[in-house]
């Protein structure tokens, strides 16, 4: 169950980084509300994941998947550069996250 919580935490991390773009210095109230909800849910799910996944592993995956997801969102919706090098680097982040999952040992059960 911890890994499901970690995936949800990562999804909401991408949500809060994406909604942050629309807050307009925290004057756009609906965007601010979405940002706050995503931050809270992300941290709640991260805490739940930490109950069964080692802290370092959970944090590294949360930040890595969140960063990779945010870069992909930027490329798809905000016309940020989509180069082969960026794609390879994102794959590297994902490969490291997978490696951490498989080396988490018995604590990940």
Protein backbone atom coordinates (compact mmCIF):
# COMPACT_ATOMS: atom_id res chain seq x y z
CA UNK A 1 0.00 0.00 0.00
CA UNK A 2 2.96 2.29 0.66
CA UNK A 3 3.94 2.37 -2.99
CA UNK A 4 0.41 3.37 -4.02
CA UNK A 5 0.53 6.20 -1.47
CA UNK A 6 3.89 7.26 -2.88
CA UNK A 7 2.53 7.35 -6.43
CA UNK A 8 -0.41 9.47 -5.25
CA UNK A 9 1.96 11.78 -3.36
CA UNK A 10 4.02 12.21 -6.52
CA UNK A 11 0.95 12.92 -8.66
CA UNK A 12 -0.17 15.62 -6.25
CA UNK A 13 3.36 17.04 -6.22
CA UNK A 14 3.09 17.50 -9.98
CA UNK A 15 -0.31 19.06 -9.31
CA UNK A 16 1.04 21.63 -6.90
CA UNK A 17 3.99 22.58 -9.07
CA UNK A 18 1.67 22.98 -12.04
CA UNK A 19 -0.99 24.99 -10.20
CA UNK A 20 1.71 27.23 -8.73
CA UNK A 21 2.23 28.55 -12.25
CA UNK A 22 -1.31 29.96 -12.25
CA UNK A 23 -1.42 31.56 -8.78
CA UNK A 24 -0.42 35.04 -10.07
CA UNK A 25 1.49 35.99 -6.92
CA UNK A 26 -1.22 34.23 -4.89
CA UNK A 27 -3.91 36.58 -6.19
CA UNK A 28 -5.75 33.98 -8.29
CA UNK A 29 -7.83 32.43 -5.51
CA UNK A 30 -9.03 29.27 -7.38
CA UNK A 31 -5.44 28.48 -8.40
CA UNK A 32 -4.21 29.15 -4.86
CA UNK A 33 -6.90 26.83 -3.49
CA UNK A 34 -5.90 24.09 -5.95
CA UNK A 35 -2.24 24.60 -5.01
CA UNK A 36 -2.96 24.31 -1.26
CA UNK A 37 -5.12 21.19 -1.74
CA UNK A 38 -2.44 19.53 -3.87
CA UNK A 39 0.33 20.40 -1.39
CA UNK A 40 -1.67 19.03 1.53
CA UNK A 41 -2.64 15.82 -0.26
CA UNK A 42 0.89 15.30 -1.50
CA UNK A 43 2.31 15.59 2.00
CA UNK A 44 -0.41 13.42 3.54
CA UNK A 45 0.24 10.63 1.03
CA UNK A 46 4.01 11.01 1.48
CA UNK A 47 3.60 10.59 5.23
CA UNK A 48 1.45 7.49 4.70
CA UNK A 49 4.04 6.06 2.31
CA UNK A 50 6.80 6.69 4.87
CA UNK A 51 5.12 4.25 7.24
CA UNK A 52 6.23 1.31 5.09
CA UNK A 53 8.92 2.68 2.76
CA UNK A 54 12.30 3.89 4.01
CA UNK A 55 12.37 7.68 4.38
CA UNK A 56 15.28 8.26 2.00
CA UNK A 57 13.78 6.04 -0.68
CA UNK A 58 10.34 7.60 -0.41
CA UNK A 59 11.69 11.15 -0.50
CA UNK A 60 14.00 10.48 -3.44
CA UNK A 61 11.21 8.89 -5.46
CA UNK A 62 8.70 11.61 -4.49
CA UNK A 63 11.03 14.38 -5.64
CA UNK A 64 12.29 12.49 -8.69
CA UNK A 65 8.88 11.49 -10.03
CA UNK A 66 7.55 14.95 -9.19
CA UNK A 67 10.41 16.62 -11.03
CA UNK A 68 10.10 14.34 -14.06
CA UNK A 69 6.33 14.79 -14.16
CA UNK A 70 6.64 18.55 -13.90
CA UNK A 71 9.14 18.64 -16.77
CA UNK A 72 6.81 16.53 -18.93
CA UNK A 73 3.84 18.80 -18.11
CA UNK A 74 5.99 21.80 -19.02
CA UNK A 75 6.89 20.26 -22.37
CA UNK A 76 3.32 19.16 -23.17
CA UNK A 77 1.33 22.21 -22.04
CA UNK A 78 3.69 25.15 -21.62
CA UNK A 79 5.85 24.86 -24.74
CA UNK A 80 9.04 24.18 -22.83
CA UNK A 81 11.85 22.61 -24.89
CA UNK A 82 11.33 18.92 -25.66
CA UNK A 83 14.80 17.78 -26.67
CA UNK A 84 16.33 14.33 -26.82
CA UNK A 85 18.73 15.23 -24.00
CA UNK A 86 15.84 16.28 -21.73
CA UNK A 87 14.05 13.03 -22.58
CA UNK A 88 17.11 10.96 -21.69
CA UNK A 89 17.54 12.82 -18.42
CA UNK A 90 13.89 12.20 -17.50
CA UNK A 91 14.39 8.50 -18.27
CA UNK A 92 17.42 8.60 -15.98
CA UNK A 93 15.31 9.96 -13.13
CA UNK A 94 12.71 7.26 -13.71
CA UNK A 95 15.38 4.54 -13.87
CA UNK A 96 16.83 5.74 -10.56
CA UNK A 97 13.36 5.69 -8.96
CA UNK A 98 12.81 2.12 -10.16
CA UNK A 99 16.24 1.14 -8.85
CA UNK A 100 15.42 2.58 -5.43
CA UNK A 101 12.15 0.65 -5.35
CA UNK A 102 13.92 -2.63 -6.01
CA UNK A 103 16.66 -1.97 -3.49
CA UNK A 104 14.36 -0.85 -0.66
CA UNK A 105 14.42 -4.38 0.75
CA UNK A 106 12.06 -5.90 3.26
CA UNK A 107 10.85 -2.53 4.55
CA UNK A 108 8.95 -2.03 1.29
CA UNK A 109 6.67 -5.01 1.83
